[in-house]
Amino acid sequence: MAATELDWWAGNAAIRAAAIFAFFVLLAFIFDRWFAARGRRIADRMLRGGMTQQADTRLRFVRRLIWLVLLVIGMFTALSQFAGLGRIAGSFLASGALVAAIVGFAARQTLANLVAGIMLAITQPLRVGDWVTVEEHYGVVEDVRLNFTILRTLSEQRIVIPNERLASGILRNDTLESDAVGLDVSLWLPAGADVPRALDALREETGQSVSVAEAGVEGTRLAVGGERVPPPERAKHEAELREQCLRRLRADGLLAG
């Protein structure tokens, strides 16, 4: 490279910054592709028992976290090429103030989801492949990303849930300890209905446990249990059990106040 070209390169901070950042973007992309292709095979060899849900969830999160770290390093390295900003960027990289700034800011804005994602990856109240209920949504965890989690419902819809909501809300996981879930159906009897007779009728009809879950001036709620089934079949079997119970109550005249 000629001396004039060296001078031009040395004096053009914007070109240097763009080239450096482009290099880190390319590096992050290559790493992401390599990790996606080889990470699972390496983990399989290390675990020797096949990829578990816990390992799969953590691998996905680590892959995306390293991708983000490479981009952040690239951004601050690019900023260091500008006069006046070099000292600021260098001090951030050297002193660790960047980490403190991110953690502090994450407590109240978008990066809170990143912190919550790290917590989810470590504690794993849900894993890729688990069947969970989040608020009114029920489905299988399709992916856990840096800022959000994707839930696939029984109707093949995708629900995108911010990680902060998962970390701070109430979550029901049907497959955290086992691969089957018991049926749970609620039925309301009108006020004045013969509750003991309804309990006996449903126990005889279903052969399952039936109990009074709630009682009030407007009526009585009965809870009907059922056999354990795979989570994908839960909605279907609960609908069938609910219909069976309603037919019996209607036939016995127990749905009229």
C-alpha atoms as a PDB file:
ATOM      1  CA  MET A   1       0.000   0.000   0.000  1.00  0.00           C
ATOM      2  CA  ALA A   2       1.429   3.408  -1.007  1.00  0.00           C
ATOM      3  CA  ALA A   3       2.265   6.066   1.558  1.00  0.00           C
ATOM      4  CA  THR A   4      -0.633   8.270   0.415  1.00  0.00           C
ATOM      5  CA  GLU A   5      -3.008   5.342   0.799  1.00  0.00           C
ATOM      6  CA  LEU A   6      -1.671   4.674   4.289  1.00  0.00           C
ATOM      7  CA  ASP A   7      -2.181   8.327   5.193  1.00  0.00           C
ATOM      8  CA  TRP A   8      -5.703   8.226   3.769  1.00  0.00           C
ATOM      9  CA  TRP A   9      -6.543   5.080   5.751  1.00  0.00           C
ATOM     10  CA  ALA A  10      -5.013   6.469   8.940  1.00  0.00           C
ATOM     11  CA  GLY A  11      -6.895   9.733   8.586  1.00  0.00           C
ATOM     12  CA  ASN A  12     -10.297   8.344   7.679  1.00  0.00           C
ATOM     13  CA  ALA A  13     -11.747   7.206  11.007  1.00  0.00           C
ATOM     14  CA  ALA A  14     -15.225   6.536   9.597  1.00  0.00           C
ATOM     15  CA  ILE A  15     -13.890   4.019   7.056  1.00  0.00           C
ATOM     16  CA  ARG A  16     -11.813   2.276   9.732  1.00  0.00           C
ATOM     17  CA  ALA A  17     -14.742   2.106  12.111  1.00  0.00           C
ATOM     18  CA  ALA A  18     -17.066   0.700   9.441  1.00  0.00           C
ATOM     19  CA  ALA A  19     -14.509  -1.914   8.397  1.00  0.00           C
ATOM     20  CA  ILE A  20     -13.878  -3.004  11.981  1.00  0.00           C
ATOM     21  CA  PHE A  21     -17.576  -3.275  12.779  1.00  0.00           C
ATOM     22  CA  ALA A  22     -18.222  -5.186   9.532  1.00  0.00           C
ATOM     23  CA  PHE A  23     -15.445  -7.606  10.527  1.00  0.00           C
ATOM     24  CA  PHE A  24     -17.075  -8.298  13.902  1.00  0.00           C
ATOM     25  CA  VAL A  25     -20.498  -8.719  12.267  1.00  0.00           C
ATOM     26  CA  LEU A  26     -18.980 -11.250   9.880  1.00  0.00           C
ATOM     27  CA  LEU A  27     -17.183 -12.964  12.768  1.00  0.00           C
ATOM     28  CA  ALA A  28     -20.436 -13.181  14.756  1.00  0.00           C
ATOM     29  CA  PHE A  29     -22.281 -14.596  11.743  1.00  0.00           C
ATOM     30  CA  ILE A  30     -19.588 -17.227  11.083  1.00  0.00           C
ATOM     31  CA  PHE A  31     -19.535 -18.232  14.751  1.00  0.00           C
ATOM     32  CA  ASP A  32     -23.334 -18.483  14.844  1.00  0.00           C
ATOM     33  CA  ARG A  33     -23.407 -20.741  11.773  1.00  0.00           C
ATOM     34  CA  TRP A  34     -20.543 -22.890  13.097  1.00  0.00           C
ATOM     35  CA  PHE A  35     -22.080 -23.238  16.548  1.00  0.00           C
ATOM     36  CA  ALA A  36     -25.477 -24.134  15.080  1.00  0.00           C
ATOM     37  CA  ALA A  37     -23.891 -26.846  12.924  1.00  0.00           C
ATOM     38  CA  ARG A  38     -21.308 -28.285  15.332  1.00  0.00           C
ATOM     39  CA  GLY A  39     -22.413 -27.323  18.842  1.00  0.00           C
ATOM     40  CA  ARG A  40     -25.096 -29.993  19.078  1.00  0.00           C
ATOM     41  CA  ARG A  41     -22.755 -32.752  17.879  1.00  0.00           C
ATOM     42  CA  ILE A  42     -20.030 -31.686  20.305  1.00  0.00           C
ATOM     43  CA  ALA A  43     -22.546 -31.651  23.183  1.00  0.00           C
ATOM     44  CA  ASP A  44     -23.823 -35.107  22.174  1.00  0.00           C
ATOM     45  CA  ARG A  45     -20.289 -36.511  22.360  1.00  0.00           C
ATOM     46  CA  MET A  46     -19.622 -34.855  25.709  1.00  0.00           C
ATOM     47  CA  LEU A  47     -22.911 -35.911  27.309  1.00  0.00           C
ATOM     48  CA  ARG A  48     -22.810 -39.411  25.763  1.00  0.00           C
ATOM     49  CA  GLY A  49     -26.482 -39.844  26.509  1.00  0.00           C
ATOM     50  CA  GLY A  50     -28.009 -37.672  23.843  1.00  0.00           C
ATOM     51  CA  MET A  51     -29.003 -34.032  23.989  1.00  0.00           C
ATOM     52  CA  THR A  52     -31.210 -33.251  26.992  1.00  0.00           C
ATOM     53  CA  GLN A  53     -33.776 -30.466  27.152  1.00  0.00           C
ATOM     54  CA  GLN A  54     -31.642 -28.608  29.699  1.00  0.00           C
ATOM     55  CA  ALA A  55     -28.522 -28.765  27.514  1.00  0.00           C
ATOM     56  CA  ASP A  56     -30.429 -27.792  24.378  1.00  0.00           C
ATOM     57  CA  THR A  57     -31.920 -24.721  26.060  1.00  0.00           C
ATOM     58  CA  ARG A  58     -28.575 -23.588  27.478  1.00  0.00           C
ATOM     59  CA  LEU A  59     -26.750 -24.140  24.168  1.00  0.00           C
ATOM     60  CA  ARG A  60     -29.262 -22.008  22.293  1.00  0.00           C
ATOM     61  CA  PHE A  61     -28.924 -19.202  24.825  1.00  0.00           C
ATOM     62  CA  VAL A  62     -25.106 -19.319  25.008  1.00  0.00           C
ATOM     63  CA  ARG A  63     -24.885 -19.238  21.208  1.00  0.00           C
ATOM     64  CA  ARG A  64     -26.985 -16.066  21.012  1.00  0.00           C
ATOM     65  CA  LEU A  65     -25.297 -14.454  24.016  1.00  0.00           C
ATOM     66  CA  ILE A  66     -21.819 -14.869  22.458  1.00  0.00           C
ATOM     67  CA  TRP A  67     -23.201 -13.461  19.192  1.00  0.00           C
ATOM     68  CA  LEU A  68     -24.408 -10.373  21.083  1.00  0.00           C
ATOM     69  CA  VAL A  69     -21.102  -9.967  22.955  1.00  0.00           C
ATOM     70  CA  LEU A  70     -19.146 -10.027  19.674  1.00  0.00           C
ATOM     71  CA  LEU A  71     -21.354  -7.284  18.239  1.00  0.00           C
ATOM     72  CA  VAL A  72     -20.983  -5.127  21.364  1.00  0.00           C
ATOM     73  CA  ILE A  73     -17.193  -5.522  21.309  1.00  0.00           C
ATOM     74  CA  GLY A  74     -17.181  -4.650  17.619  1.00  0.00           C
ATOM     75  CA  MET A  75     -19.272  -1.545  18.223  1.00  0.00           C
ATOM     76  CA  PHE A  76     -16.990  -0.181  20.940  1.00  0.00           C
ATOM     77  CA  THR A  77     -13.845  -1.106  19.020  1.00  0.00           C
ATOM     78  CA  ALA A  78     -15.232   0.803  16.044  1.00  0.00           C
ATOM     79  CA  LEU A  79     -16.040   3.808  18.237  1.00  0.00           C
ATOM     80  CA  SER A  80     -12.478   3.811  19.540  1.00  0.00           C
ATOM     81  CA  GLN A  81     -11.300   4.846  16.038  1.00  0.00           C
ATOM     82  CA  PHE A  82     -12.774   8.315  16.447  1.00  0.00           C
ATOM     83  CA  ALA A  83     -10.745  11.003  18.161  1.00  0.00           C
ATOM     84  CA  GLY A  84     -12.156  11.795  21.573  1.00  0.00           C
ATOM     85  CA  LEU A  85     -14.204   8.613  21.700  1.00  0.00           C
ATOM     86  CA  GLY A  86     -11.223   6.274  21.839  1.00  0.00           C
ATOM     87  CA  ARG A  87     -10.502   6.998  25.478  1.00  0.00           C
ATOM     88  CA  ILE A  88     -14.165   6.514  26.414  1.00  0.00           C
ATOM     89  CA  ALA A  89     -14.515   3.229  24.530  1.00  0.00           C
ATOM     90  CA  GLY A  90     -11.165   2.003  25.837  1.00  0.00           C
ATOM     91  CA  SER A  91     -12.093   2.732  29.439  1.00  0.00           C
ATOM     92  CA  PHE A  92     -15.401   0.908  29.028  1.00  0.00           C
ATOM     93  CA  LEU A  93     -13.684  -2.182  27.653  1.00  0.00           C
ATOM     94  CA  ALA A  94     -10.840  -2.102  30.177  1.00  0.00           C
ATOM     95  CA  SER A  95     -12.648  -1.286  33.413  1.00  0.00           C
ATOM     96  CA  GLY A  96     -15.800  -3.347  33.094  1.00  0.00           C
ATOM     97  CA  ALA A  97     -17.993  -0.280  33.405  1.00  0.00           C
ATOM     98  CA  LEU A  98     -19.865  -1.489  30.332  1.00  0.00           C
ATOM     99  CA  VAL A  99     -21.149  -4.507  32.243  1.00  0.00           C
ATOM    100  CA  ALA A 100     -22.274  -2.352  35.172  1.00  0.00           C
ATOM    101  CA  ALA A 101     -24.008   0.085  32.818  1.00  0.00           C
ATOM    102  CA  ILE A 102     -25.895  -2.700  31.007  1.00  0.00           C
ATOM    103  CA  VAL A 103     -27.007  -4.368  34.229  1.00  0.00           C
ATOM    104  CA  GLY A 104     -28.131  -1.044  35.719  1.00  0.00           C
ATOM    105  CA  PHE A 105     -30.056  -0.021  32.637  1.00  0.00           C
ATOM    106  CA  ALA A 106     -31.575  -3.496  32.217  1.00  0.00           C
ATOM    107  CA  ALA A 107     -33.470  -3.164  35.478  1.00  0.00           C
ATOM    108  CA  ARG A 108     -36.049  -0.846  33.915  1.00  0.00           C
ATOM    109  CA  GLN A 109     -36.035  -1.017  30.120  1.00  0.00           C
ATOM    110  CA  THR A 110     -35.682  -3.437  27.222  1.00  0.00           C
ATOM    111  CA  LEU A 111     -32.449  -5.025  28.457  1.00  0.00           C
ATOM    112  CA  ALA A 112     -34.368  -6.314  31.476  1.00  0.00           C
ATOM    113  CA  ASN A 113     -35.503  -9.088  29.167  1.00  0.00           C
ATOM    114  CA  LEU A 114     -31.847 -10.042  28.555  1.00  0.00           C
ATOM    115  CA  VAL A 115     -31.169 -10.314  32.281  1.00  0.00           C
ATOM    116  CA  ALA A 116     -34.376 -12.348  32.674  1.00  0.00           C
ATOM    117  CA  GLY A 117     -33.264 -14.567  29.787  1.00  0.00           C
ATOM    118  CA  ILE A 118     -29.989 -15.315  31.562  1.00  0.00           C
ATOM    119  CA  MET A 119     -31.931 -16.228  34.702  1.00  0.00           C
ATOM    120  CA  LEU A 120     -34.223 -18.524  32.696  1.00  0.00           C
ATOM    121  CA  ALA A 121     -31.230 -20.226  31.041  1.00  0.00           C
ATOM    122  CA  ILE A 122     -29.590 -20.859  34.427  1.00  0.00           C
ATOM    123  CA  THR A 123     -32.597 -21.846  36.568  1.00  0.00           C
ATOM    124  CA  GLN A 124     -34.637 -23.378  33.701  1.00  0.00           C
ATOM    125  CA  PRO A 125     -38.240 -23.233  34.957  1.00  0.00           C
ATOM    126  CA  LEU A 126     -39.008 -24.024  31.324  1.00  0.00           C
ATOM    127  CA  ARG A 127     -36.994 -25.731  28.596  1.00  0.00           C
ATOM    128  CA  VAL A 128     -37.265 -26.144  24.860  1.00  0.00           C
ATOM    129  CA  GLY A 129     -39.913 -28.827  24.311  1.00  0.00           C
ATOM    130  CA  ASP A 130     -41.767 -28.272  27.606  1.00  0.00           C
ATOM    131  CA  TRP A 131     -45.562 -27.872  27.642  1.00  0.00           C
ATOM    132  CA  VAL A 132     -46.389 -24.805  29.699  1.00  0.00           C
ATOM    133  CA  THR A 133     -49.235 -22.442  30.572  1.00  0.00           C
ATOM    134  CA  VAL A 134     -48.332 -18.744  30.617  1.00  0.00           C
ATOM    135  CA  GLU A 135     -51.260 -16.588  31.663  1.00  0.00           C
ATOM    136  CA  GLU A 136     -54.056 -17.865  29.373  1.00  0.00           C
ATOM    137  CA  HIS A 137     -51.735 -19.372  26.746  1.00  0.00           C
ATOM    138  CA  TYR A 138     -50.945 -23.106  26.626  1.00  0.00           C
ATOM    139  CA  GLY A 139     -48.426 -24.705  24.302  1.00  0.00           C
ATOM    140  CA  VAL A 140     -44.951 -26.115  23.779  1.00  0.00           C
ATOM    141  CA  VAL A 141     -41.793 -24.015  24.199  1.00  0.00           C
ATOM    142  CA  GLU A 142     -40.355 -23.756  20.699  1.00  0.00           C
ATOM    143  CA  ASP A 143     -37.368 -21.519  21.412  1.00  0.00           C
ATOM    144  CA  VAL A 144     -35.799 -19.460  24.218  1.00  0.00           C
ATOM    145  CA  ARG A 145     -34.045 -16.394  22.835  1.00  0.00           C
ATOM    146  CA  LEU A 146     -32.134 -13.532  24.400  1.00  0.00           C
ATOM    147  CA  ASN A 147     -35.110 -11.237  24.938  1.00  0.00           C
ATOM    148  CA  PHE A 148     -38.176 -13.406  24.404  1.00  0.00           C
ATOM    149  CA  THR A 149     -39.499 -16.948  24.327  1.00  0.00           C
ATOM    150  CA  ILE A 150     -41.616 -18.468  21.542  1.00  0.00           C
ATOM    151  CA  LEU A 151     -44.592 -20.615  22.539  1.00  0.00           C
ATOM    152  CA  ARG A 152     -46.349 -22.793  19.929  1.00  0.00           C
ATOM    153  CA  THR A 153     -50.005 -23.408  20.784  1.00  0.00           C
ATOM    154  CA  LEU A 154     -52.144 -26.416  19.896  1.00  0.00           C
ATOM    155  CA  SER A 155     -53.566 -24.432  16.967  1.00  0.00           C
ATOM    156  CA  GLU A 156     -50.013 -23.874  15.596  1.00  0.00           C
ATOM    157  CA  GLN A 157     -49.991 -20.201  16.568  1.00  0.00           C
ATOM    158  CA  ARG A 158     -46.756 -18.643  17.814  1.00  0.00           C
ATOM    159  CA  ILE A 159     -46.953 -16.575  20.993  1.00  0.00           C
ATOM    160  CA  VAL A 160     -43.951 -14.305  21.631  1.00  0.00           C
ATOM    161  CA  ILE A 161     -43.535 -13.722  25.372  1.00  0.00           C
ATOM    162  CA  PRO A 162     -40.960 -11.266  26.812  1.00  0.00           C
ATOM    163  CA  ASN A 163     -38.554 -13.068  29.125  1.00  0.00           C
ATOM    164  CA  GLU A 164     -39.200 -10.550  31.897  1.00  0.00           C
ATOM    165  CA  ARG A 165     -42.860 -11.643  31.971  1.00  0.00           C
ATOM    166  CA  LEU A 166     -41.788 -15.273  32.322  1.00  0.00           C
ATOM    167  CA  ALA A 167     -39.266 -14.539  35.072  1.00  0.00           C
ATOM    168  CA  SER A 168     -41.670 -12.449  37.160  1.00  0.00           C
ATOM    169  CA  GLY A 169     -45.025 -14.111  36.402  1.00  0.00           C
ATOM    170  CA  ILE A 170     -46.748 -17.378  37.286  1.00  0.00           C
ATOM    171  CA  LEU A 171     -45.800 -20.274  35.020  1.00  0.00           C
ATOM    172  CA  ARG A 172     -47.275 -23.781  34.934  1.00  0.00           C
ATOM    173  CA  ASN A 173     -44.961 -26.408  33.480  1.00  0.00           C
ATOM    174  CA  ASP A 174     -46.659 -29.739  32.758  1.00  0.00           C
ATOM    175  CA  THR A 175     -43.470 -31.592  31.758  1.00  0.00           C
ATOM    176  CA  LEU A 176     -40.837 -30.294  34.155  1.00  0.00           C
ATOM    177  CA  GLU A 177     -40.765 -33.534  36.172  1.00  0.00           C
ATOM    178  CA  SER A 178     -42.722 -35.993  33.985  1.00  0.00           C
ATOM    179  CA  ASP A 179     -43.982 -36.486  30.438  1.00  0.00           C
ATOM    180  CA  ALA A 180     -47.671 -36.755  31.374  1.00  0.00           C
ATOM    181  CA  VAL A 181     -50.227 -34.425  32.949  1.00  0.00           C
ATOM    182  CA  GLY A 182     -53.458 -35.173  34.787  1.00  0.00           C
ATOM    183  CA  LEU A 183     -56.754 -33.872  33.456  1.00  0.00           C
ATOM    184  CA  ASP A 184     -58.474 -31.101  35.409  1.00  0.00           C
ATOM    185  CA  VAL A 185     -61.999 -30.010  34.468  1.00  0.00           C
ATOM    186  CA  SER A 186     -64.187 -27.429  36.231  1.00  0.00           C
ATOM    187  CA  LEU A 187     -67.992 -27.489  36.141  1.00  0.00           C
ATOM    188  CA  TRP A 188     -70.404 -24.968  37.626  1.00  0.00           C
ATOM    189  CA  LEU A 189     -73.649 -25.994  39.288  1.00  0.00           C
ATOM    190  CA  PRO A 190     -76.364 -23.343  39.655  1.00  0.00           C
ATOM    191  CA  ALA A 191     -77.371 -22.088  43.092  1.00  0.00           C
ATOM    192  CA  GLY A 192     -79.777 -24.491  44.748  1.00  0.00           C
ATOM    193  CA  ALA A 193     -78.527 -27.577  42.877  1.00  0.00           C
ATOM    194  CA  ASP A 194     -78.172 -30.843  44.774  1.00  0.00           C
ATOM    195  CA  VAL A 195     -74.391 -30.856  45.189  1.00  0.00           C
ATOM    196  CA  PRO A 196     -73.978 -34.235  46.986  1.00  0.00           C
ATOM    197  CA  ARG A 197     -76.080 -35.933  44.313  1.00  0.00           C
ATOM    198  CA  ALA A 198     -74.017 -34.282  41.565  1.00  0.00           C
ATOM    199  CA  LEU A 199     -70.782 -35.470  43.192  1.00  0.00           C
ATOM    200  CA  ASP A 200     -72.026 -39.048  43.384  1.00  0.00           C
ATOM    201  CA  ALA A 201     -73.297 -38.949  39.780  1.00  0.00           C
ATOM    202  CA  LEU A 202     -70.004 -37.689  38.369  1.00  0.00           C
ATOM    203  CA  ARG A 203     -67.923 -40.144  40.390  1.00  0.00           C
ATOM    204  CA  GLU A 204     -70.082 -42.977  39.086  1.00  0.00           C
ATOM    205  CA  GLU A 205     -69.954 -41.653  35.506  1.00  0.00           C
ATOM    206  CA  THR A 206     -66.221 -40.965  35.239  1.00  0.00           C
ATOM    207  CA  GLY A 207     -64.656 -43.216  37.855  1.00  0.00           C
ATOM    208  CA  GLN A 208     -62.404 -40.267  38.737  1.00  0.00           C
ATOM    209  CA  SER A 209     -61.999 -37.962  41.722  1.00  0.00           C
ATOM    210  CA  VAL A 210     -64.665 -35.246  42.010  1.00  0.00           C
ATOM    211  CA  SER A 211     -64.594 -32.517  44.655  1.00  0.00           C
ATOM    212  CA  VAL A 212     -66.071 -29.133  45.513  1.00  0.00           C
ATOM    213  CA  ALA A 213     -63.527 -26.539  44.412  1.00  0.00           C
ATOM    214  CA  GLU A 214     -65.498 -23.385  45.184  1.00  0.00           C
ATOM    215  CA  ALA A 215     -68.887 -22.418  46.598  1.00  0.00           C
ATOM    216  CA  GLY A 216     -70.677 -19.072  46.508  1.00  0.00           C
ATOM    217  CA  VAL A 217     -74.056 -17.405  46.253  1.00  0.00           C
ATOM    218  CA  GLU A 218     -74.024 -17.789  42.463  1.00  0.00           C
ATOM    219  CA  GLY A 219     -73.338 -21.519  42.459  1.00  0.00           C
ATOM    220  CA  THR A 220     -70.841 -24.282  43.165  1.00  0.00           C
ATOM    221  CA  ARG A 221     -67.772 -25.178  41.150  1.00  0.00           C
ATOM    222  CA  LEU A 222     -66.860 -28.847  40.950  1.00  0.00           C
ATOM    223  CA  ALA A 223     -63.364 -30.085  40.058  1.00  0.00           C
ATOM    224  CA  VAL A 224     -63.176 -33.341  38.127  1.00  0.00           C
ATOM    225  CA  GLY A 225     -59.818 -35.088  37.833  1.00  0.00           C
ATOM    226  CA  GLY A 226     -58.808 -37.497  35.133  1.00  0.00           C
ATOM    227  CA  GLU A 227     -56.172 -39.898  33.928  1.00  0.00           C
ATOM    228  CA  ARG A 228     -52.690 -38.741  33.021  1.00  0.00           C
ATOM    229  CA  VAL A 229     -52.162 -38.113  29.309  1.00  0.00           C
ATOM    230  CA  PRO A 230     -49.368 -36.679  27.125  1.00  0.00           C
ATOM    231  CA  PRO A 231     -49.507 -32.848  27.161  1.00  0.00           C
ATOM    232  CA  PRO A 232     -50.382 -32.500  23.442  1.00  0.00           C
ATOM    233  CA  GLU A 233     -53.537 -34.554  24.084  1.00  0.00           C
ATOM    234  CA  ARG A 234     -54.596 -32.691  27.225  1.00  0.00           C
ATOM    235  CA  ALA A 235     -57.031 -30.250  25.586  1.00  0.00           C
ATOM    236  CA  LYS A 236     -58.787 -32.986  23.610  1.00  0.00           C
ATOM    237  CA  HIS A 237     -59.263 -35.300  26.592  1.00  0.00           C
ATOM    238  CA  GLU A 238     -60.397 -32.456  28.876  1.00  0.00           C
ATOM    239  CA  ALA A 239     -63.026 -31.428  26.316  1.00  0.00           C
ATOM    240  CA  GLU A 240     -64.285 -35.018  26.108  1.00  0.00           C
ATOM    241  CA  LEU A 241     -64.377 -35.349  29.914  1.00  0.00           C
ATOM    242  CA  ARG A 242     -66.226 -32.024  30.251  1.00  0.00           C
ATOM    243  CA  GLU A 243     -68.819 -33.090  27.688  1.00  0.00           C
ATOM    244  CA  GLN A 244     -69.284 -36.441  29.414  1.00  0.00           C
ATOM    245  CA  CYS A 245     -69.881 -34.747  32.760  1.00  0.00           C
ATOM    246  CA  LEU A 246     -72.322 -32.197  31.348  1.00  0.00           C
ATOM    247  CA  ARG A 247     -74.359 -34.938  29.627  1.00  0.00           C
ATOM    248  CA  ARG A 248     -74.699 -36.820  32.906  1.00  0.00           C
ATOM    249  CA  LEU A 249     -75.634 -33.715  34.914  1.00  0.00           C
ATOM    250  CA  ARG A 250     -78.185 -32.701  32.302  1.00  0.00           C
ATOM    251  CA  ALA A 251     -79.670 -36.199  32.161  1.00  0.00           C
ATOM    252  CA  ASP A 252     -80.059 -36.191  35.960  1.00  0.00           C
ATOM    253  CA  GLY A 253     -81.636 -32.714  35.933  1.00  0.00           C
ATOM    254  CA  LEU A 254     -78.809 -31.211  38.003  1.00  0.00           C
ATOM    255  CA  LEU A 255     -78.079 -28.201  35.803  1.00  0.00           C
ATOM    256  CA  ALA A 256     -81.325 -26.443  36.732  1.00  0.00           C
ATOM    257  CA  GLY A 257     -81.394 -24.309  39.851  1.00  0.00           C
END
